[in-house]
């Protein structure tokens, strides 16, 4: 379990407190059993009408062709560090149930599945970093993703590496204090913008 715990204002589960998104990974492989465990956690996430509108492309480093294809969809700033991760995963959401019928909850559902995956990773002592910085169009072309699916994020997975292995700007971000907005800034009561009374006490 990570020693870089979130400085929470209220008690939360230790696995949630230990979850964070590093950029420094070791080259140690993520085992097939661990990969299956991550995907099983995603499989059992909640979804609207149990539609399960998620799909994943799994690219372990050992599968050189798939790994390099997926790595190549990332923006350069992410390739700099993600190339060291032993596993990349592309997450896509089925945004059309059938032609002309969008699924308005697909992105929400995929987000829940990815969150389950990340928490399962933390429980296994490995880490994930989810990235928006990639080309969905390039990913669609590279992996023949159908039009009813939207590529949403690429996830780097692996064991925690040393910040010293990162370029200077990224190294500073890796060791910076972790912060979050206070609850009162986004948890409201009867009027939008007014903090909920449940936050008092």
N, C-alpha and C. Protein backbone atom coordinates (compact mmCIF):
# COMPACT_ATOMS: atom_id res chain seq x y z
N UNK A 1 0.84 -1.19 0.00
CA UNK A 1 0.00 0.00 0.00
C UNK A 1 0.88 1.24 0.00
N UNK A 2 0.48 2.25 -0.73
CA UNK A 2 1.28 3.47 -0.87
C UNK A 2 1.41 4.19 0.47
N UNK A 3 2.58 4.80 0.67
CA UNK A 3 2.76 5.66 1.84
C UNK A 3 2.40 7.10 1.50
N UNK A 4 2.03 7.37 0.26
CA UNK A 4 1.66 8.72 -0.17
C UNK A 4 0.14 8.85 -0.09
N UNK A 5 -0.37 8.88 1.14
CA UNK A 5 -1.80 8.84 1.35
C UNK A 5 -2.41 10.23 1.19
N UNK A 6 -3.66 10.25 0.72
CA UNK A 6 -4.37 11.52 0.57
C UNK A 6 -4.62 12.14 1.94
N UNK A 7 -4.37 13.45 2.09
CA UNK A 7 -4.62 14.12 3.37
C UNK A 7 -6.11 14.48 3.50
N UNK A 8 -6.96 13.49 3.76
CA UNK A 8 -8.40 13.68 3.75
C UNK A 8 -8.87 14.49 4.97
N UNK A 9 -9.98 15.19 4.80
CA UNK A 9 -10.61 15.91 5.90
C UNK A 9 -11.56 15.03 6.70
N UNK A 10 -12.00 13.92 6.08
CA UNK A 10 -12.93 13.00 6.73
C UNK A 10 -12.47 11.58 6.41
N UNK A 11 -12.82 10.61 7.25
CA UNK A 11 -12.34 9.24 7.04
C UNK A 11 -12.87 8.64 5.74
N UNK A 12 -12.00 7.97 4.98
CA UNK A 12 -12.39 7.19 3.82
C UNK A 12 -11.62 5.87 3.87
N UNK A 13 -12.02 4.92 3.03
CA UNK A 13 -11.35 3.62 3.02
C UNK A 13 -9.88 3.81 2.65
N UNK A 14 -9.02 3.02 3.28
CA UNK A 14 -7.58 3.18 3.07
C UNK A 14 -7.17 2.94 1.61
N UNK A 15 -7.91 2.09 0.89
CA UNK A 15 -7.58 1.88 -0.51
C UNK A 15 -7.85 3.15 -1.32
N UNK A 16 -8.96 3.83 -1.03
CA UNK A 16 -9.25 5.10 -1.69
C UNK A 16 -8.22 6.15 -1.32
N UNK A 17 -7.80 6.13 -0.08
CA UNK A 17 -6.81 7.11 0.37
C UNK A 17 -5.44 6.87 -0.27
N UNK A 18 -5.15 5.62 -0.60
CA UNK A 18 -3.85 5.27 -1.17
C UNK A 18 -3.79 5.44 -2.68
N UNK A 19 -4.97 5.56 -3.34
CA UNK A 19 -4.99 5.67 -4.80
C UNK A 19 -4.46 7.04 -5.24
N UNK A 20 -3.54 7.01 -6.20
CA UNK A 20 -3.12 8.23 -6.86
C UNK A 20 -2.57 7.88 -8.23
N UNK A 21 -2.23 8.89 -9.01
CA UNK A 21 -1.89 8.69 -10.42
C UNK A 21 -0.44 9.06 -10.71
N UNK A 22 0.49 8.13 -10.49
CA UNK A 22 1.90 8.43 -10.74
C UNK A 22 2.22 8.42 -12.23
N UNK A 23 3.36 8.99 -12.56
CA UNK A 23 3.90 8.91 -13.92
C UNK A 23 5.17 8.05 -13.96
N UNK A 24 5.73 7.78 -12.81
CA UNK A 24 6.95 6.97 -12.74
C UNK A 24 6.56 5.52 -12.48
N UNK A 25 6.90 4.65 -13.45
CA UNK A 25 6.60 3.23 -13.33
C UNK A 25 7.88 2.43 -13.48
N UNK A 26 7.92 1.27 -12.83
CA UNK A 26 9.01 0.33 -13.07
C UNK A 26 8.68 -0.49 -14.32
N UNK A 27 9.66 -1.24 -14.78
CA UNK A 27 9.44 -2.11 -15.93
C UNK A 27 8.86 -3.46 -15.54
N UNK A 28 8.63 -3.68 -14.24
CA UNK A 28 8.09 -4.96 -13.79
C UNK A 28 6.75 -5.22 -14.47
N UNK A 29 6.56 -6.38 -15.08
CA UNK A 29 5.31 -6.64 -15.81
C UNK A 29 4.12 -6.74 -14.86
N UNK A 30 2.96 -6.37 -15.38
CA UNK A 30 1.70 -6.67 -14.71
C UNK A 30 1.30 -8.06 -15.16
N UNK A 31 1.11 -8.97 -14.23
CA UNK A 31 0.87 -10.36 -14.59
C UNK A 31 -0.49 -10.54 -15.25
N UNK A 32 -0.63 -11.58 -16.07
CA UNK A 32 -1.94 -11.87 -16.66
C UNK A 32 -3.04 -12.00 -15.62
N UNK A 33 -2.71 -12.61 -14.47
CA UNK A 33 -3.72 -12.75 -13.41
C UNK A 33 -4.14 -11.39 -12.87
N UNK A 34 -3.19 -10.47 -12.72
CA UNK A 34 -3.52 -9.13 -12.25
C UNK A 34 -4.37 -8.39 -13.29
N UNK A 35 -4.01 -8.53 -14.56
CA UNK A 35 -4.79 -7.88 -15.62
C UNK A 35 -6.23 -8.39 -15.60
N UNK A 36 -6.40 -9.69 -15.46
CA UNK A 36 -7.75 -10.25 -15.41
C UNK A 36 -8.52 -9.72 -14.20
N UNK A 37 -7.83 -9.56 -13.09
CA UNK A 37 -8.46 -9.03 -11.88
C UNK A 37 -8.93 -7.59 -12.08
N UNK A 38 -8.11 -6.78 -12.74
CA UNK A 38 -8.50 -5.39 -13.02
C UNK A 38 -9.74 -5.34 -13.89
N UNK A 39 -9.76 -6.16 -14.93
CA UNK A 39 -10.87 -6.14 -15.87
C UNK A 39 -12.12 -6.75 -15.25
N UNK A 40 -11.95 -7.70 -14.35
CA UNK A 40 -13.11 -8.27 -13.65
C UNK A 40 -13.75 -7.21 -12.75
N UNK A 41 -12.93 -6.39 -12.12
CA UNK A 41 -13.47 -5.30 -11.29
C UNK A 41 -14.27 -4.33 -12.16
N UNK A 42 -13.75 -4.02 -13.33
CA UNK A 42 -14.48 -3.14 -14.25
C UNK A 42 -15.77 -3.81 -14.70
N UNK A 43 -15.73 -5.10 -14.95
CA UNK A 43 -16.90 -5.84 -15.44
C UNK A 43 -18.07 -5.76 -14.48
N UNK A 44 -17.78 -5.70 -13.16
CA UNK A 44 -18.82 -5.70 -12.16
C UNK A 44 -19.20 -4.30 -11.70
N UNK A 45 -18.84 -3.30 -12.46
CA UNK A 45 -19.28 -1.94 -12.17
C UNK A 45 -20.76 -1.79 -12.51
N UNK A 46 -21.40 -0.81 -11.88
CA UNK A 46 -22.80 -0.50 -12.18
C UNK A 46 -22.90 0.19 -13.53
N UNK A 47 -24.07 0.04 -14.19
CA UNK A 47 -24.31 0.74 -15.45
C UNK A 47 -25.81 0.89 -15.67
N UNK A 48 -26.18 1.93 -16.42
CA UNK A 48 -27.58 2.19 -16.70
C UNK A 48 -28.25 1.01 -17.40
N UNK A 49 -29.37 0.52 -16.82
CA UNK A 49 -30.10 -0.61 -17.37
C UNK A 49 -29.20 -1.83 -17.57
N UNK A 50 -28.11 -1.89 -16.82
CA UNK A 50 -27.13 -2.97 -16.93
C UNK A 50 -26.61 -3.12 -18.36
N UNK A 51 -26.46 -1.97 -19.05
CA UNK A 51 -26.03 -2.00 -20.44
C UNK A 51 -24.56 -2.32 -20.64
N UNK A 52 -23.73 -2.07 -19.60
CA UNK A 52 -22.30 -2.38 -19.63
C UNK A 52 -21.65 -1.87 -20.93
N UNK A 53 -21.71 -0.55 -21.17
CA UNK A 53 -21.28 -0.02 -22.47
C UNK A 53 -19.78 0.25 -22.56
N UNK A 54 -18.98 -0.60 -21.98
CA UNK A 54 -17.54 -0.39 -21.97
C UNK A 54 -16.83 -1.50 -22.74
N UNK A 55 -15.71 -1.11 -23.34
CA UNK A 55 -14.80 -2.07 -23.95
C UNK A 55 -13.38 -1.59 -23.72
N UNK A 56 -12.44 -2.54 -23.70
CA UNK A 56 -11.05 -2.22 -23.41
C UNK A 56 -10.12 -2.91 -24.41
N UNK A 57 -9.10 -2.21 -24.85
CA UNK A 57 -8.02 -2.81 -25.62
C UNK A 57 -6.82 -2.89 -24.69
N UNK A 58 -6.31 -4.09 -24.50
CA UNK A 58 -5.24 -4.35 -23.52
C UNK A 58 -3.92 -4.51 -24.26
N UNK A 59 -2.93 -3.72 -23.85
CA UNK A 59 -1.64 -3.71 -24.54
C UNK A 59 -0.50 -3.87 -23.54
N UNK A 60 -0.19 -5.11 -23.12
CA UNK A 60 1.00 -5.31 -22.29
C UNK A 60 2.26 -5.11 -23.12
N UNK A 61 3.32 -4.71 -22.47
CA UNK A 61 4.57 -4.44 -23.18
C UNK A 61 5.04 -5.65 -23.97
N UNK A 62 4.72 -6.86 -23.47
CA UNK A 62 5.16 -8.07 -24.16
C UNK A 62 4.54 -8.19 -25.55
N UNK A 63 3.36 -7.59 -25.73
CA UNK A 63 2.72 -7.55 -27.04
C UNK A 63 3.20 -6.27 -27.73
N UNK A 64 4.40 -6.33 -28.26
CA UNK A 64 5.10 -5.13 -28.74
C UNK A 64 4.28 -4.35 -29.75
N UNK A 65 3.67 -5.02 -30.70
CA UNK A 65 2.95 -4.33 -31.76
C UNK A 65 1.77 -3.54 -31.20
N UNK A 66 0.97 -4.18 -30.35
CA UNK A 66 -0.20 -3.50 -29.78
C UNK A 66 0.23 -2.37 -28.86
N UNK A 67 1.27 -2.62 -28.06
CA UNK A 67 1.76 -1.59 -27.14
C UNK A 67 2.23 -0.36 -27.91
N UNK A 68 3.01 -0.56 -28.95
CA UNK A 68 3.54 0.57 -29.71
C UNK A 68 2.42 1.31 -30.45
N UNK A 69 1.44 0.58 -30.96
CA UNK A 69 0.30 1.23 -31.61
C UNK A 69 -0.44 2.14 -30.63
N UNK A 70 -0.70 1.63 -29.44
CA UNK A 70 -1.44 2.41 -28.46
C UNK A 70 -0.59 3.57 -27.92
N UNK A 71 0.68 3.30 -27.67
CA UNK A 71 1.57 4.36 -27.22
C UNK A 71 1.61 5.49 -28.25
N UNK A 72 1.59 5.13 -29.53
CA UNK A 72 1.66 6.12 -30.59
C UNK A 72 0.46 7.04 -30.67
N UNK A 73 -0.66 6.66 -30.03
CA UNK A 73 -1.83 7.53 -30.04
C UNK A 73 -1.73 8.64 -29.00
N UNK A 74 -0.78 8.51 -28.05
CA UNK A 74 -0.65 9.50 -26.99
C UNK A 74 0.04 10.77 -27.49
N UNK A 75 -0.31 11.89 -26.89
CA UNK A 75 0.42 13.12 -27.17
C UNK A 75 1.85 12.94 -26.67
N UNK A 76 2.76 13.70 -27.24
CA UNK A 76 4.18 13.52 -26.93
C UNK A 76 4.47 13.66 -25.44
N UNK A 77 3.80 14.61 -24.78
CA UNK A 77 4.05 14.84 -23.35
C UNK A 77 3.71 13.61 -22.52
N UNK A 78 2.76 12.81 -22.96
CA UNK A 78 2.42 11.58 -22.25
C UNK A 78 3.31 10.42 -22.67
N UNK A 79 3.73 10.40 -23.93
CA UNK A 79 4.62 9.33 -24.37
C UNK A 79 5.93 9.32 -23.59
N UNK A 80 6.38 10.50 -23.19
CA UNK A 80 7.66 10.64 -22.49
C UNK A 80 7.75 9.71 -21.29
N UNK A 81 6.66 9.61 -20.54
CA UNK A 81 6.68 8.77 -19.34
C UNK A 81 5.91 7.47 -19.51
N UNK A 82 4.82 7.48 -20.30
CA UNK A 82 3.99 6.28 -20.44
C UNK A 82 4.72 5.15 -21.15
N UNK A 83 5.76 5.49 -21.91
CA UNK A 83 6.52 4.45 -22.61
C UNK A 83 7.19 3.48 -21.63
N UNK A 84 7.35 3.91 -20.37
CA UNK A 84 7.99 3.05 -19.37
C UNK A 84 7.00 2.15 -18.64
N UNK A 85 5.71 2.41 -18.80
CA UNK A 85 4.72 1.57 -18.12
C UNK A 85 4.68 0.18 -18.77
N UNK A 86 4.47 -0.85 -17.97
CA UNK A 86 4.43 -2.21 -18.54
C UNK A 86 3.10 -2.58 -19.18
N UNK A 87 2.08 -1.72 -18.99
CA UNK A 87 0.76 -2.04 -19.51
C UNK A 87 0.01 -0.76 -19.86
N UNK A 88 -0.57 -0.72 -21.06
CA UNK A 88 -1.47 0.35 -21.47
C UNK A 88 -2.83 -0.25 -21.80
N UNK A 89 -3.88 0.46 -21.45
CA UNK A 89 -5.24 0.01 -21.73
C UNK A 89 -6.01 1.17 -22.34
N UNK A 90 -6.66 0.93 -23.46
CA UNK A 90 -7.56 1.90 -24.06
C UNK A 90 -8.98 1.59 -23.61
N UNK A 91 -9.68 2.59 -23.09
CA UNK A 91 -11.07 2.42 -22.66
C UNK A 91 -11.99 3.16 -23.62
N UNK A 92 -13.03 2.47 -24.07
CA UNK A 92 -13.98 3.05 -25.01
C UNK A 92 -15.40 2.81 -24.52
N UNK A 93 -16.29 3.74 -24.86
CA UNK A 93 -17.69 3.66 -24.44
C UNK A 93 -18.60 3.50 -25.65
N UNK A 94 -19.58 2.64 -25.53
CA UNK A 94 -20.57 2.47 -26.60
C UNK A 94 -21.62 3.57 -26.46
N UNK A 95 -21.44 4.62 -27.23
CA UNK A 95 -22.27 5.81 -27.08
C UNK A 95 -23.56 5.74 -27.90
N UNK A 96 -23.67 4.75 -28.79
CA UNK A 96 -24.90 4.51 -29.54
C UNK A 96 -25.40 3.10 -29.24
N UNK A 97 -26.62 3.00 -28.74
CA UNK A 97 -27.21 1.68 -28.49
C UNK A 97 -27.52 0.98 -29.80
N UNK A 98 -27.97 1.77 -30.76
CA UNK A 98 -28.22 1.34 -32.13
C UNK A 98 -28.23 2.61 -32.96
N UNK A 99 -28.16 2.52 -34.28
CA UNK A 99 -28.07 3.73 -35.10
C UNK A 99 -29.17 4.75 -34.76
N UNK A 100 -28.74 5.97 -34.47
CA UNK A 100 -29.68 7.05 -34.17
C UNK A 100 -30.18 7.07 -32.74
N UNK A 101 -29.74 6.13 -31.89
CA UNK A 101 -30.20 6.08 -30.50
C UNK A 101 -29.00 6.17 -29.55
N UNK A 102 -28.64 7.40 -29.14
CA UNK A 102 -27.49 7.56 -28.25
C UNK A 102 -27.76 7.02 -26.85
N UNK A 103 -26.70 6.64 -26.20
CA UNK A 103 -26.75 6.24 -24.79
C UNK A 103 -26.18 7.39 -23.98
N UNK A 104 -27.02 8.22 -23.36
CA UNK A 104 -26.52 9.41 -22.67
C UNK A 104 -25.73 9.11 -21.41
N UNK A 105 -25.77 7.87 -20.94
CA UNK A 105 -25.05 7.51 -19.71
C UNK A 105 -23.77 6.72 -19.98
N UNK A 106 -23.43 6.53 -21.24
CA UNK A 106 -22.31 5.65 -21.56
C UNK A 106 -20.99 6.14 -20.96
N UNK A 107 -20.72 7.43 -21.07
CA UNK A 107 -19.46 7.96 -20.54
C UNK A 107 -19.42 7.85 -19.02
N UNK A 108 -20.56 8.12 -18.40
CA UNK A 108 -20.66 7.98 -16.94
C UNK A 108 -20.37 6.54 -16.53
N UNK A 109 -20.99 5.60 -17.24
CA UNK A 109 -20.81 4.19 -16.90
C UNK A 109 -19.37 3.74 -17.11
N UNK A 110 -18.76 4.18 -18.21
CA UNK A 110 -17.35 3.83 -18.43
C UNK A 110 -16.48 4.41 -17.33
N UNK A 111 -16.78 5.63 -16.91
CA UNK A 111 -16.02 6.24 -15.82
C UNK A 111 -16.08 5.42 -14.55
N UNK A 112 -17.28 4.88 -14.26
CA UNK A 112 -17.40 4.03 -13.07
C UNK A 112 -16.56 2.76 -13.23
N UNK A 113 -16.60 2.17 -14.41
CA UNK A 113 -15.83 0.95 -14.64
C UNK A 113 -14.33 1.21 -14.48
N UNK A 114 -13.88 2.35 -15.02
CA UNK A 114 -12.46 2.71 -14.90
C UNK A 114 -12.09 2.97 -13.43
N UNK A 115 -13.01 3.56 -12.69
CA UNK A 115 -12.75 3.79 -11.26
C UNK A 115 -12.62 2.47 -10.52
N UNK A 116 -13.49 1.52 -10.82
CA UNK A 116 -13.38 0.20 -10.21
C UNK A 116 -12.03 -0.42 -10.53
N UNK A 117 -11.62 -0.30 -11.79
CA UNK A 117 -10.33 -0.85 -12.21
C UNK A 117 -9.19 -0.21 -11.42
N UNK A 118 -9.26 1.10 -11.23
CA UNK A 118 -8.17 1.79 -10.53
C UNK A 118 -8.10 1.41 -9.06
N UNK A 119 -9.27 1.23 -8.44
CA UNK A 119 -9.28 0.84 -7.03
C UNK A 119 -8.80 -0.60 -6.86
N UNK A 120 -9.19 -1.47 -7.79
CA UNK A 120 -8.69 -2.84 -7.74
C UNK A 120 -7.17 -2.86 -7.90
N UNK A 121 -6.66 -2.01 -8.78
CA UNK A 121 -5.20 -1.92 -8.95
C UNK A 121 -4.53 -1.54 -7.63
N UNK A 122 -5.08 -0.54 -6.96
CA UNK A 122 -4.50 -0.10 -5.68
C UNK A 122 -4.50 -1.24 -4.68
N UNK A 123 -5.58 -2.03 -4.67
CA UNK A 123 -5.65 -3.15 -3.72
C UNK A 123 -4.59 -4.20 -4.01
N UNK A 124 -4.12 -4.25 -5.27
CA UNK A 124 -3.10 -5.21 -5.67
C UNK A 124 -1.69 -4.65 -5.54
N UNK A 125 -1.60 -3.38 -5.12
CA UNK A 125 -0.29 -2.77 -4.97
C UNK A 125 0.28 -2.22 -6.26
N UNK A 126 -0.57 -2.02 -7.27
CA UNK A 126 -0.14 -1.41 -8.52
C UNK A 126 -0.96 -0.14 -8.75
N UNK A 127 -0.56 0.64 -9.75
CA UNK A 127 -1.12 1.97 -9.91
C UNK A 127 -1.56 2.20 -11.35
N UNK A 128 -2.50 3.13 -11.51
CA UNK A 128 -2.95 3.51 -12.85
C UNK A 128 -2.87 5.02 -13.00
N UNK A 129 -2.66 5.45 -14.22
CA UNK A 129 -2.71 6.87 -14.57
C UNK A 129 -3.56 6.98 -15.83
N UNK A 130 -4.72 7.62 -15.70
CA UNK A 130 -5.64 7.75 -16.82
C UNK A 130 -5.33 9.04 -17.59
N UNK A 131 -5.34 8.93 -18.91
CA UNK A 131 -4.91 10.05 -19.76
C UNK A 131 -5.99 10.46 -20.75
N UNK A 132 -6.25 11.75 -20.81
CA UNK A 132 -7.10 12.31 -21.86
C UNK A 132 -6.25 12.73 -23.06
N UNK A 133 -4.94 12.87 -22.85
CA UNK A 133 -4.05 13.35 -23.89
C UNK A 133 -3.67 12.27 -24.87
N UNK A 134 -4.59 11.96 -25.78
CA UNK A 134 -4.34 11.01 -26.85
C UNK A 134 -5.26 11.36 -28.01
N UNK A 135 -5.03 10.75 -29.16
CA UNK A 135 -5.85 11.01 -30.34
C UNK A 135 -6.91 9.92 -30.50
N UNK A 136 -8.18 10.23 -30.19
CA UNK A 136 -9.23 9.23 -30.41
C UNK A 136 -9.34 8.79 -31.86
N UNK A 137 -9.14 9.72 -32.79
CA UNK A 137 -9.22 9.36 -34.21
C UNK A 137 -8.11 8.39 -34.59
N UNK A 138 -6.91 8.64 -34.09
CA UNK A 138 -5.80 7.74 -34.38
C UNK A 138 -6.04 6.37 -33.76
N UNK A 139 -6.59 6.35 -32.54
CA UNK A 139 -6.89 5.09 -31.88
C UNK A 139 -7.97 4.32 -32.66
N UNK A 140 -8.97 5.04 -33.13
CA UNK A 140 -10.05 4.39 -33.89
C UNK A 140 -9.49 3.72 -35.14
N UNK A 141 -8.61 4.44 -35.83
CA UNK A 141 -8.03 3.89 -37.06
C UNK A 141 -7.09 2.72 -36.75
N UNK A 142 -6.29 2.87 -35.71
CA UNK A 142 -5.29 1.84 -35.40
C UNK A 142 -5.92 0.52 -34.99
N UNK A 143 -7.07 0.60 -34.30
CA UNK A 143 -7.66 -0.62 -33.74
C UNK A 143 -9.02 -0.98 -34.34
N UNK A 144 -9.39 -0.30 -35.42
CA UNK A 144 -10.65 -0.58 -36.12
C UNK A 144 -11.84 -0.52 -35.16
N UNK A 145 -11.89 0.55 -34.37
CA UNK A 145 -12.97 0.71 -33.39
C UNK A 145 -14.25 1.13 -34.11
N UNK A 146 -15.36 0.44 -33.86
CA UNK A 146 -16.61 0.76 -34.57
C UNK A 146 -17.11 2.17 -34.26
N UNK A 147 -17.93 2.69 -35.15
CA UNK A 147 -18.41 4.06 -35.02
C UNK A 147 -19.31 4.27 -33.82
N UNK A 148 -19.93 3.21 -33.31
CA UNK A 148 -20.82 3.38 -32.16
C UNK A 148 -20.06 3.41 -30.84
N UNK A 149 -18.74 3.25 -30.90
CA UNK A 149 -17.90 3.35 -29.71
C UNK A 149 -17.05 4.60 -29.77
N UNK A 150 -16.88 5.24 -28.61
CA UNK A 150 -16.04 6.43 -28.51
C UNK A 150 -14.82 6.12 -27.65
N UNK A 151 -13.59 6.20 -28.21
CA UNK A 151 -12.40 6.06 -27.38
C UNK A 151 -12.34 7.23 -26.39
N UNK A 152 -12.16 6.93 -25.11
CA UNK A 152 -12.29 7.96 -24.08
C UNK A 152 -10.98 8.24 -23.35
N UNK A 153 -10.24 7.20 -23.01
CA UNK A 153 -9.02 7.42 -22.23
C UNK A 153 -8.05 6.27 -22.46
N UNK A 154 -6.78 6.54 -22.25
CA UNK A 154 -5.75 5.51 -22.22
C UNK A 154 -5.22 5.45 -20.79
N UNK A 155 -5.09 4.25 -20.28
CA UNK A 155 -4.71 4.03 -18.88
C UNK A 155 -3.35 3.34 -18.83
N UNK A 156 -2.40 3.97 -18.16
CA UNK A 156 -1.10 3.34 -17.90
C UNK A 156 -1.18 2.60 -16.57
N UNK A 157 -0.63 1.39 -16.53
CA UNK A 157 -0.72 0.55 -15.34
C UNK A 157 0.66 -0.03 -15.03
N UNK A 158 1.00 -0.07 -13.73
CA UNK A 158 2.26 -0.70 -13.37
C UNK A 158 2.62 -0.47 -11.92
N UNK A 159 3.79 -0.97 -11.55
CA UNK A 159 4.32 -0.77 -10.20
C UNK A 159 4.99 0.60 -10.11
N UNK A 160 4.97 1.14 -8.92
CA UNK A 160 5.48 2.48 -8.68
C UNK A 160 6.99 2.57 -8.91
N UNK A 161 7.39 3.52 -9.74
CA UNK A 161 8.80 3.75 -10.00
C UNK A 161 9.35 4.92 -9.20
N UNK A 162 10.53 5.35 -9.56
CA UNK A 162 11.19 6.46 -8.85
C UNK A 162 10.97 7.77 -9.58
N UNK A 163 10.57 8.83 -8.86
CA UNK A 163 10.44 10.14 -9.49
C UNK A 163 11.74 10.61 -10.15
N UNK A 164 12.88 10.11 -9.68
CA UNK A 164 14.17 10.52 -10.24
C UNK A 164 14.33 10.10 -11.69
N UNK A 165 13.51 9.16 -12.13
CA UNK A 165 13.60 8.70 -13.52
C UNK A 165 12.81 9.58 -14.49
N UNK A 166 12.11 10.58 -13.96
CA UNK A 166 11.29 11.46 -14.80
C UNK A 166 12.05 12.74 -15.15
N UNK A 167 11.71 13.37 -16.28
CA UNK A 167 12.27 14.70 -16.57
C UNK A 167 11.91 15.68 -15.46
N UNK A 168 12.70 16.72 -15.31
CA UNK A 168 12.57 17.64 -14.18
C UNK A 168 11.15 18.16 -13.94
N UNK A 169 10.46 18.70 -14.95
CA UNK A 169 9.11 19.24 -14.68
C UNK A 169 8.15 18.18 -14.17
N UNK A 170 8.23 16.97 -14.73
CA UNK A 170 7.35 15.90 -14.29
C UNK A 170 7.75 15.39 -12.91
N UNK A 171 9.05 15.40 -12.63
CA UNK A 171 9.52 14.97 -11.32
C UNK A 171 8.95 15.86 -10.22
N UNK A 172 8.88 17.16 -10.49
CA UNK A 172 8.34 18.08 -9.49
C UNK A 172 6.86 17.82 -9.25
N UNK A 173 6.12 17.52 -10.32
CA UNK A 173 4.69 17.22 -10.17
C UNK A 173 4.49 15.91 -9.43
N UNK A 174 5.41 14.97 -9.63
CA UNK A 174 5.27 13.65 -9.02
C UNK A 174 5.37 13.73 -7.50
N UNK A 175 6.17 14.64 -6.99
CA UNK A 175 6.39 14.71 -5.54
C UNK A 175 5.65 15.87 -4.89
N UNK A 176 4.90 16.64 -5.67
CA UNK A 176 4.17 17.78 -5.12
C UNK A 176 3.07 17.31 -4.18
N UNK A 177 2.69 18.19 -3.25
CA UNK A 177 1.61 17.87 -2.33
C UNK A 177 0.32 17.62 -3.11
N UNK A 178 -0.45 16.67 -2.65
CA UNK A 178 -1.73 16.35 -3.29
C UNK A 178 -2.81 17.25 -2.68
N UNK A 179 -3.64 17.83 -3.54
CA UNK A 179 -4.68 18.74 -3.06
C UNK A 179 -6.01 18.43 -3.75
N UNK A 180 -7.08 18.84 -3.11
CA UNK A 180 -8.42 18.76 -3.68
C UNK A 180 -9.21 20.00 -3.24
N UNK A 181 -10.22 20.35 -4.03
CA UNK A 181 -11.12 21.42 -3.63
C UNK A 181 -11.83 21.02 -2.33
N UNK A 182 -12.15 22.00 -1.46
CA UNK A 182 -12.92 21.66 -0.26
C UNK A 182 -14.34 21.25 -0.62
N UNK A 183 -14.95 20.40 0.20
CA UNK A 183 -16.31 19.94 -0.06
C UNK A 183 -17.28 21.09 -0.25
N UNK A 184 -17.10 22.16 0.53
CA UNK A 184 -18.05 23.28 0.49
C UNK A 184 -18.07 23.97 -0.86
N UNK A 185 -17.06 23.74 -1.69
CA UNK A 185 -17.02 24.40 -2.99
C UNK A 185 -17.85 23.69 -4.04
N UNK A 186 -18.31 22.46 -3.73
CA UNK A 186 -19.09 21.73 -4.74
C UNK A 186 -20.23 20.88 -4.18
N UNK A 187 -20.44 20.91 -2.88
CA UNK A 187 -21.54 20.16 -2.27
C UNK A 187 -22.55 21.16 -1.72
N UNK A 188 -23.73 21.23 -2.35
CA UNK A 188 -24.68 22.29 -2.06
C UNK A 188 -25.97 21.76 -1.43
N UNK A 189 -26.71 22.69 -0.82
CA UNK A 189 -28.00 22.36 -0.22
C UNK A 189 -29.14 22.86 -1.06
N UNK A 190 -30.02 23.67 -0.47
CA UNK A 190 -31.24 24.08 -1.16
C UNK A 190 -30.99 25.09 -2.27
N UNK A 191 -29.84 25.77 -2.24
CA UNK A 191 -29.52 26.78 -3.26
C UNK A 191 -28.15 26.47 -3.84
N UNK A 192 -28.09 26.46 -5.18
CA UNK A 192 -26.80 26.21 -5.84
C UNK A 192 -25.76 27.22 -5.36
N UNK A 193 -24.61 26.70 -4.99
CA UNK A 193 -23.53 27.57 -4.52
C UNK A 193 -23.51 27.75 -3.00
N UNK A 194 -24.58 27.36 -2.34
CA UNK A 194 -24.62 27.45 -0.87
C UNK A 194 -24.26 26.08 -0.28
N UNK A 195 -23.21 26.00 0.52
CA UNK A 195 -22.79 24.70 1.04
C UNK A 195 -23.91 23.98 1.80
N UNK A 196 -23.96 22.67 1.61
CA UNK A 196 -24.97 21.87 2.28
C UNK A 196 -24.77 21.91 3.80
N UNK A 197 -25.86 22.02 4.56
CA UNK A 197 -25.73 22.00 6.03
C UNK A 197 -25.11 20.71 6.55
N UNK A 198 -25.15 19.61 5.75
CA UNK A 198 -24.58 18.35 6.21
C UNK A 198 -23.06 18.44 6.40
N UNK A 199 -22.46 19.49 5.84
CA UNK A 199 -21.01 19.65 5.97
C UNK A 199 -20.62 20.24 7.31
N UNK A 200 -21.59 20.78 8.05
CA UNK A 200 -21.29 21.39 9.34
C UNK A 200 -21.17 20.33 10.42
N UNK A 201 -20.30 20.61 11.37
CA UNK A 201 -20.15 19.70 12.49
C UNK A 201 -19.02 18.71 12.32
